[in-house]
């Protein structure tokens, strides 16, 4: 996709990720505030054992567009 090939990228930390792009962060909301309203490709990196079907989330949580593990790349809504 053209979106993946150009623009800004942010590697978003998380304790765990879901296949829909939700992430379990550290509870401060820092990345959610930083990412809000920005046209930026958001990528989560983690090991395969930290991928879950669902994670608790709030309306202010910003999901990532891709999750990359040692085994696969999971597209979570790349534009």
Protein backbone atom coordinates (compact mmCIF):
# COMPACT_ATOMS: atom_id res chain seq x y z
CA UNK A 1 0.00 0.00 0.00
CA UNK A 2 1.16 3.53 -0.73
CA UNK A 3 0.46 4.50 2.90
CA UNK A 4 3.09 2.07 4.10
CA UNK A 5 5.73 3.38 1.70
CA UNK A 6 5.58 7.06 2.64
CA UNK A 7 4.93 9.23 5.66
CA UNK A 8 5.78 9.16 9.31
CA UNK A 9 6.13 6.01 11.37
CA UNK A 10 5.89 5.54 15.13
CA UNK A 11 6.97 2.35 16.89
CA UNK A 12 4.45 2.13 19.73
CA UNK A 13 5.45 0.20 22.85
CA UNK A 14 3.07 -2.16 24.59
CA UNK A 15 2.96 -4.96 27.11
CA UNK A 16 0.63 -6.93 24.80
CA UNK A 17 -1.32 -6.44 21.57
CA UNK A 18 -4.55 -7.74 20.05
CA UNK A 19 -5.02 -8.69 16.41
CA UNK A 20 -7.35 -5.68 15.98
CA UNK A 21 -4.51 -3.31 16.92
CA UNK A 22 -5.46 -2.60 20.52
CA UNK A 23 -2.56 -2.55 22.92
CA UNK A 24 -2.03 -2.85 26.62
CA UNK A 25 0.25 0.01 27.58
CA UNK A 26 1.69 1.22 30.85
CA UNK A 27 -1.42 3.19 31.86
CA UNK A 28 -0.21 6.75 31.36
CA UNK A 29 -1.90 7.48 28.03
CA UNK A 30 1.24 9.22 26.72
CA UNK A 31 1.25 7.56 23.31
CA UNK A 32 -2.52 7.92 22.92
CA UNK A 33 -2.21 11.69 23.44
CA UNK A 34 0.80 11.90 21.12
CA UNK A 35 -0.87 9.90 18.33
CA UNK A 36 -4.31 11.53 18.54
CA UNK A 37 -5.13 13.32 15.28
CA UNK A 38 -1.80 12.51 13.61
CA UNK A 39 -1.60 10.85 10.19
CA UNK A 40 1.14 8.45 11.12
CA UNK A 41 1.73 4.72 10.63
CA UNK A 42 1.63 3.11 14.05
CA UNK A 43 3.55 -0.16 14.49
CA UNK A 44 3.60 -2.42 17.54
CA UNK A 45 6.47 -4.85 18.08
CA UNK A 46 6.18 -7.87 20.34
CA UNK A 47 6.73 -11.59 20.56
CA UNK A 48 4.03 -13.97 19.32
CA UNK A 49 3.09 -15.05 22.85
CA UNK A 50 1.99 -11.47 23.60
CA UNK A 51 -0.76 -11.44 20.94
CA UNK A 52 -4.28 -11.89 22.33
CA UNK A 53 -7.74 -12.13 20.79
CA UNK A 54 -8.99 -9.14 22.78
CA UNK A 55 -7.66 -6.64 25.28
CA UNK A 56 -9.50 -4.18 27.52
CA UNK A 57 -9.64 -0.74 25.92
CA UNK A 58 -11.16 2.68 26.39
CA UNK A 59 -12.56 5.12 23.83
CA UNK A 60 -9.38 7.22 24.07
CA UNK A 61 -7.05 4.30 23.24
CA UNK A 62 -5.42 4.63 19.81
CA UNK A 63 -4.87 1.24 18.10
CA UNK A 64 -1.80 0.44 16.01
CA UNK A 65 -1.99 -0.19 12.26
CA UNK A 66 0.41 -3.16 12.22
CA UNK A 67 1.74 -5.59 14.78
CA UNK A 68 5.02 -7.30 13.96
CA UNK A 69 6.13 -10.45 15.75
CA UNK A 70 8.96 -12.88 15.11
CA UNK A 71 6.50 -15.05 13.14
CA UNK A 72 4.19 -12.69 11.24
CA UNK A 73 2.98 -9.24 10.36
CA UNK A 74 -0.60 -8.56 11.40
CA UNK A 75 -2.40 -5.77 9.50
CA UNK A 76 -4.78 -4.08 11.93
CA UNK A 77 -6.39 -1.45 9.76
CA UNK A 78 -3.64 -0.04 7.56
CA UNK A 79 -5.10 2.76 5.42
